[in-house]
C-alpha atoms as a PDB file:
ATOM      1  CA  MET A   1    -100.783  81.392  -3.217  1.00  0.00           C
ATOM      2  CA  ILE A   2    -101.221  78.037  -4.859  1.00  0.00           C
ATOM      3  CA  GLY A   3    -103.234  75.075  -3.438  1.00  0.00           C
ATOM      4  CA  LEU A   4    -102.577  73.210  -0.176  1.00  0.00           C
ATOM      5  CA  LYS A   5    -101.582  69.524   0.093  1.00  0.00           C
ATOM      6  CA  ASP A   6     -99.101  67.456   2.102  1.00  0.00           C
ATOM      7  CA  GLU A   7     -96.727  66.030  -0.481  1.00  0.00           C
ATOM      8  CA  LYS A   8     -92.966  65.847  -0.914  1.00  0.00           C
ATOM      9  CA  THR A   9     -93.244  65.433  -4.681  1.00  0.00           C
ATOM     10  CA  SER A  10     -91.263  68.485  -5.743  1.00  0.00           C
ATOM     11  CA  LEU A  11     -89.286  71.074  -3.844  1.00  0.00           C
ATOM     12  CA  ARG A  12     -89.642  74.654  -5.006  1.00  0.00           C
ATOM     13  CA  ILE A  13     -88.417  78.069  -3.975  1.00  0.00           C
ATOM     14  CA  GLY A  14     -91.187  79.882  -2.115  1.00  0.00           C
ATOM     15  CA  GLN A  15     -92.744  76.648  -0.848  1.00  0.00           C
ATOM     16  CA  PHE A  16     -94.085  76.608   2.700  1.00  0.00           C
ATOM     17  CA  VAL A  17     -92.754  74.004   5.122  1.00  0.00           C
ATOM     18  CA  LEU A  18     -93.594  72.820   8.609  1.00  0.00           C
ATOM     19  CA  ILE A  19     -90.506  72.070  10.705  1.00  0.00           C
ATOM     20  CA  THR A  20     -90.862  68.611  12.268  1.00  0.00           C
ATOM     21  CA  GLN A  21     -87.457  68.134  13.942  1.00  0.00           C
ATOM     22  CA  GLY A  22     -85.154  70.384  15.968  1.00  0.00           C
ATOM     23  CA  ARG A  23     -85.562  73.503  18.074  1.00  0.00           C
ATOM     24  CA  ASP A  24     -88.060  75.074  15.715  1.00  0.00           C
ATOM     25  CA  THR A  25     -90.440  72.086  15.646  1.00  0.00           C
ATOM     26  CA  GLY A  26     -93.976  73.238  14.865  1.00  0.00           C
ATOM     27  CA  ASN A  27     -92.938  76.487  13.186  1.00  0.00           C
ATOM     28  CA  TYR A  28     -93.575  77.380   9.559  1.00  0.00           C
ATOM     29  CA  ALA A  29     -91.029  78.771   7.114  1.00  0.00           C
ATOM     30  CA  VAL A  30     -90.398  79.264   3.394  1.00  0.00           C
ATOM     31  CA  VAL A  31     -87.831  77.503   1.193  1.00  0.00           C
ATOM     32  CA  ILE A  32     -85.470  80.155  -0.158  1.00  0.00           C
ATOM     33  CA  ARG A  33     -82.825  77.939  -1.755  1.00  0.00           C
ATOM     34  CA  LEU A  34     -82.360  74.312  -2.796  1.00  0.00           C
ATOM     35  CA  LEU A  35     -78.844  73.165  -1.851  1.00  0.00           C
ATOM     36  CA  ASP A  36     -78.917  69.567  -3.080  1.00  0.00           C
ATOM     37  CA  GLU A  37     -81.177  66.509  -3.000  1.00  0.00           C
ATOM     38  CA  ARG A  38     -80.956  66.380   0.804  1.00  0.00           C
ATOM     39  CA  PHE A  39     -80.740  69.948   2.137  1.00  0.00           C
ATOM     40  CA  VAL A  40     -82.586  73.246   1.680  1.00  0.00           C
ATOM     41  CA  LEU A  41     -82.291  76.718   3.178  1.00  0.00           C
ATOM     42  CA  ILE A  42     -85.389  78.032   4.935  1.00  0.00           C
ATOM     43  CA  ALA A  43     -86.261  81.425   6.385  1.00  0.00           C
ATOM     44  CA  ASP A  44     -89.214  82.969   8.179  1.00  0.00           C
ATOM     45  CA  GLY A  45     -88.094  86.605   8.353  1.00  0.00           C
ATOM     46  CA  MET A  46     -87.957  86.577  12.162  1.00  0.00           C
ATOM     47  CA  LYS A  47     -85.628  84.059  13.770  1.00  0.00           C
ATOM     48  CA  HIS A  48     -84.163  82.890  10.474  1.00  0.00           C
ATOM     49  CA  ARG A  49     -83.688  85.888   8.213  1.00  0.00           C
ATOM     50  CA  PHE A  50     -82.896  85.884   4.506  1.00  0.00           C
ATOM     51  CA  HIS A  51     -79.169  86.552   5.024  1.00  0.00           C
ATOM     52  CA  ASP A  52     -78.936  84.049   7.905  1.00  0.00           C
ATOM     53  CA  PRO A  53     -81.210  81.162   6.842  1.00  0.00           C
ATOM     54  CA  LYS A  54     -81.496  77.763   8.467  1.00  0.00           C
ATOM     55  CA  ARG A  55     -79.989  74.782   6.643  1.00  0.00           C
ATOM     56  CA  LYS A  56     -82.400  71.864   7.090  1.00  0.00           C
ATOM     57  CA  ASN A  57     -82.444  68.237   6.076  1.00  0.00           C
ATOM     58  CA  ILE A  58     -85.547  67.638   3.946  1.00  0.00           C
ATOM     59  CA  HIS A  59     -86.431  64.650   6.136  1.00  0.00           C
ATOM     60  CA  HIS A  60     -86.925  67.068   9.045  1.00  0.00           C
ATOM     61  CA  LEU A  61     -89.516  69.118   7.167  1.00  0.00           C
ATOM     62  CA  ARG A  62     -93.071  68.584   6.008  1.00  0.00           C
ATOM     63  CA  PHE A  63     -93.419  70.202   2.591  1.00  0.00           C
ATOM     64  CA  LEU A  64     -96.795  71.785   1.968  1.00  0.00           C
ATOM     65  CA  ASP A  65     -98.020  72.135  -1.586  1.00  0.00           C
ATOM     66  CA  CYS A  66     -98.531  75.853  -1.185  1.00  0.00           C
ATOM     67  CA  ILE A  67     -96.174  78.440  -2.642  1.00  0.00           C
ATOM     68  CA  SER A  68     -95.815  82.119  -1.864  1.00  0.00           C
ATOM     69  CA  THR A  69     -95.741  83.649  -5.332  1.00  0.00           C
ATOM     70  CA  GLU A  70     -94.560  86.982  -3.902  1.00  0.00           C
ATOM     71  CA  VAL A  71     -91.512  85.406  -2.259  1.00  0.00           C
ATOM     72  CA  ARG A  72     -90.760  83.190  -5.253  1.00  0.00           C
ATOM     73  CA  ASN A  73     -91.019  86.046  -7.769  1.00  0.00           C
ATOM     74  CA  SER A  74     -88.832  88.306  -5.650  1.00  0.00           C
ATOM     75  CA  ILE A  75     -86.076  85.678  -5.318  1.00  0.00           C
ATOM     76  CA  VAL A  76     -86.219  84.719  -9.007  1.00  0.00           C
ATOM     77  CA  GLU A  77     -86.188  88.332 -10.234  1.00  0.00           C
ATOM     78  CA  SER A  78     -83.650  89.901  -7.860  1.00  0.00           C
ATOM     79  CA  GLY A  79     -82.072  87.033  -5.946  1.00  0.00           C
ATOM     80  CA  TYR A  80     -83.320  88.628  -2.722  1.00  0.00           C
ATOM     81  CA  VAL A  81     -86.466  88.904  -0.630  1.00  0.00           C
ATOM     82  CA  THR A  82     -87.020  91.234   2.296  1.00  0.00           C
ATOM     83  CA  ASN A  83     -87.524  89.838   5.769  1.00  0.00           C
ATOM     84  CA  GLY A  84     -90.758  91.826   5.982  1.00  0.00           C
ATOM     85  CA  LYS A  85     -92.089  90.031   2.924  1.00  0.00           C
ATOM     86  CA  LEU A  86     -91.096  86.675   4.441  1.00  0.00           C
ATOM     87  CA  ARG A  87     -92.817  87.521   7.742  1.00  0.00           C
ATOM     88  CA  PHE A  88     -95.934  88.680   5.919  1.00  0.00           C
ATOM     89  CA  ALA A  89     -96.079  85.537   3.750  1.00  0.00           C
ATOM     90  CA  VAL A  90     -95.659  83.171   6.710  1.00  0.00           C
ATOM     91  CA  SER A  91     -98.207  84.975   8.895  1.00  0.00           C
ATOM     92  CA  LYS A  92    -100.707  85.154   6.027  1.00  0.00           C
ATOM     93  CA  PHE A  93    -100.247  81.431   5.354  1.00  0.00           C
ATOM     94  CA  VAL A  94    -100.711  80.537   9.026  1.00  0.00           C
ATOM     95  CA  ASN A  95    -103.788  82.747   9.375  1.00  0.00           C
ATOM     96  CA  GLU A  96    -105.476  81.531   6.179  1.00  0.00           C
ATOM     97  CA  HIS A  97    -104.585  77.834   6.010  1.00  0.00           C
ATOM     98  CA  VAL A  98    -103.491  76.577   9.400  1.00  0.00           C
ATOM     99  CA  ALA A  99    -106.326  78.251  11.320  1.00  0.00           C
ATOM    100  CA  LYS A 100    -108.860  76.715   8.891  1.00  0.00           C
ATOM    101  CA  GLU A 101    -107.386  73.242   9.405  1.00  0.00           C
ATOM    102  CA  LYS A 102    -107.718  73.597  13.186  1.00  0.00           C
ATOM    103  CA  GLY A 103    -111.300  74.809  12.798  1.00  0.00           C
ATOM    104  CA  GLU A 104    -110.769  78.249  14.269  1.00  0.00           C
END
């Protein structure tokens, strides 16, 4: 995984996001596709799976400057990523980065 910052400078496949609006507020997910300058598709491998991702307005997300290289490489190479890999990436990110920010 690459560094951690809170910036919306560039959107990338494999980038972690925090959902700030909607039913899933407070949950983390991964960008799996860029639709246009306003919308992206996100998935977490649990509620929103790779073949049934959530379409989100970028203004309803907080983009974290941390990318899952495993997810990104899988999507770039094969056009697909398993839901297990998505779940693993999100849980690893939450355990390593979010828990440290909260001081746990």
